[in-house]
Amino acid sequence: MPWLNAALFLLIAAAIPLGTLLGARLLRVKPKKVPPTRGDTYECGEEPEGPAWVRFHPRYYVVALVFVLFDVEAAFLLPWALEIRDLGGLAIADMAIFLGILTLGWVYALRKGALRWQ
C-alpha cells in the first residue's frame, strides 16, 4: 500500500511544523524586549543607503532563471549518472536528447544576448 506510506509521510510532514507553531503559541514564546532596530532594513551589516524598494533590471532575473535551469539539469544528471550501468542504452539516448534540448536553449540564449552582462 504505497498510498498509505505517502499519506503517513504527508501527515507527519504537516504535523511537525504545525506542532511547533502551536507549541510556541501555547507557551507564549515572545522576546522580552523588542529592539528598536527590528523594523530597519538589513543589508549584510551595512547601513542602508536609499529606499529599500529599488527596481532591478530584468536581466538579473533572466540570469537567475538560466542558473536555475542549469541547476535543475545538474539535479537530473546526478542520479542518472549514478545508475547509468543499470539503465542501459535507452537511458543514454534519452539523456542525450535531454542535454541536446538544453544545449539548444543555451545557444538560443547566447545568440539573443540574454547572458551578456552590460
Protein backbone atom coordinates (compact mmCIF):
# COMPACT_ATOMS: atom_id res chain seq x y z
CA MET A 1 0.00 0.00 0.00
CA PRO A 2 2.26 2.82 -1.22
CA TRP A 3 -0.52 5.40 -0.89
CA LEU A 4 -0.67 4.70 2.84
CA ASN A 5 3.05 5.42 3.17
CA ALA A 6 2.66 8.65 1.21
CA ALA A 7 -0.33 9.72 3.32
CA LEU A 8 1.57 8.98 6.53
CA PHE A 9 4.58 10.94 5.28
CA LEU A 10 2.41 13.95 4.38
CA LEU A 11 0.66 13.77 7.74
CA ILE A 12 3.96 13.77 9.62
CA ALA A 13 5.40 16.47 7.34
CA ALA A 14 2.43 18.72 8.15
CA ALA A 15 2.24 17.82 11.85
CA ILE A 16 5.82 18.76 12.74
CA PRO A 17 5.76 22.44 11.66
CA LEU A 18 2.18 22.92 12.80
CA GLY A 19 3.04 21.33 16.14
CA THR A 20 6.00 23.64 16.70
CA LEU A 21 3.93 26.70 15.80
CA LEU A 22 1.11 25.59 18.09
CA GLY A 23 3.59 24.84 20.91
CA ALA A 24 5.15 28.30 20.57
CA ARG A 25 1.69 29.87 20.66
CA LEU A 26 0.64 27.88 23.74
CA LEU A 27 3.88 28.61 25.58
CA ARG A 28 3.64 32.28 24.54
CA VAL A 29 7.18 32.39 23.21
CA LYS A 30 7.99 36.07 22.59
CA PRO A 31 11.01 38.29 23.05
CA LYS A 32 11.19 40.06 26.42
CA LYS A 33 12.24 43.34 24.84
CA VAL A 34 11.75 44.26 21.19
CA PRO A 35 14.88 46.01 19.86
CA PRO A 36 14.33 49.44 18.27
CA THR A 37 16.11 48.33 15.09
CA ARG A 38 13.70 45.48 14.42
CA GLY A 39 11.90 47.20 11.56
CA ASP A 40 15.05 48.53 9.88
CA THR A 41 16.23 47.25 6.53
CA TYR A 42 19.24 44.94 6.91
CA GLU A 43 21.88 44.87 4.19
CA CYS A 44 24.62 42.45 5.29
CA GLY A 45 25.64 44.50 8.31
CA GLU A 46 25.93 47.76 6.37
CA GLU A 47 23.84 50.85 6.92
CA PRO A 48 21.21 51.00 4.16
CA GLU A 49 21.51 53.75 1.58
CA GLY A 50 18.36 54.98 -0.08
CA PRO A 51 14.96 53.29 -0.13
CA ALA A 52 14.56 49.55 0.35
CA TRP A 53 12.35 49.14 -2.72
CA VAL A 54 14.54 49.54 -5.78
CA ARG A 55 13.73 48.41 -9.31
CA PHE A 56 16.14 45.89 -10.76
CA HIS A 57 16.87 45.43 -14.42
CA PRO A 58 15.08 42.35 -15.88
CA ARG A 59 18.47 41.00 -16.98
CA TYR A 60 19.15 39.95 -13.38
CA TYR A 61 16.04 37.78 -13.44
CA VAL A 62 16.98 36.23 -16.79
CA VAL A 63 20.41 35.28 -15.46
CA ALA A 64 18.78 33.85 -12.32
CA LEU A 65 16.36 31.77 -14.42
CA VAL A 66 19.20 30.42 -16.57
CA PHE A 67 21.07 29.50 -13.38
CA VAL A 68 18.01 27.64 -12.07
CA LEU A 69 17.65 25.86 -15.41
CA PHE A 70 21.19 24.51 -15.31
CA ASP A 71 20.94 23.77 -11.60
CA VAL A 72 17.90 21.59 -12.25
CA GLU A 73 19.79 19.95 -15.11
CA ALA A 74 22.56 19.02 -12.70
CA ALA A 75 19.97 17.64 -10.28
CA PHE A 76 18.64 15.38 -13.05
CA LEU A 77 22.10 14.34 -14.21
CA LEU A 78 23.44 13.12 -10.86
CA PRO A 79 21.00 10.25 -10.19
CA TRP A 80 21.15 9.25 -13.84
CA ALA A 81 24.95 9.15 -13.76
CA LEU A 82 24.96 7.05 -10.60
CA GLU A 83 22.70 4.41 -12.18
CA ILE A 84 23.95 4.54 -15.77
CA ARG A 85 25.21 0.93 -15.79
CA ASP A 86 21.83 -0.47 -14.76
CA LEU A 87 19.77 1.76 -17.07
CA GLY A 88 21.18 0.67 -20.42
CA GLY A 89 21.45 2.23 -23.86
CA LEU A 90 17.95 3.71 -23.98
CA ALA A 91 18.70 5.85 -20.94
CA ILE A 92 21.85 7.18 -22.62
CA ALA A 93 19.82 8.12 -25.69
CA ASP A 94 17.17 9.78 -23.53
CA MET A 95 19.79 11.79 -21.67
CA ALA A 96 21.44 12.77 -24.95
CA ILE A 97 18.08 14.14 -26.15
CA PHE A 98 17.58 15.97 -22.84
CA LEU A 99 21.05 17.52 -22.97
CA GLY A 100 20.57 18.38 -26.65
CA ILE A 101 17.39 20.31 -25.91
CA LEU A 102 19.10 22.16 -23.06
CA THR A 103 22.07 22.93 -25.29
CA LEU A 104 19.76 24.37 -27.94
CA GLY A 105 18.16 26.59 -25.29
CA TRP A 106 21.59 27.71 -24.09
CA VAL A 107 22.73 28.54 -27.64
CA TYR A 108 19.47 30.45 -28.23
CA ALA A 109 20.04 32.48 -25.04
CA LEU A 110 23.62 33.21 -26.10
CA ARG A 111 22.57 34.39 -29.57
CA LYS A 112 19.82 36.61 -28.14
CA GLY A 113 22.37 38.16 -25.77
CA ALA A 114 20.46 37.14 -22.67
CA LEU A 115 23.66 36.14 -20.87
CA ARG A 116 25.71 39.17 -21.93
CA TRP A 117 26.44 41.26 -18.87
CA GLN A 118 26.32 45.00 -19.60
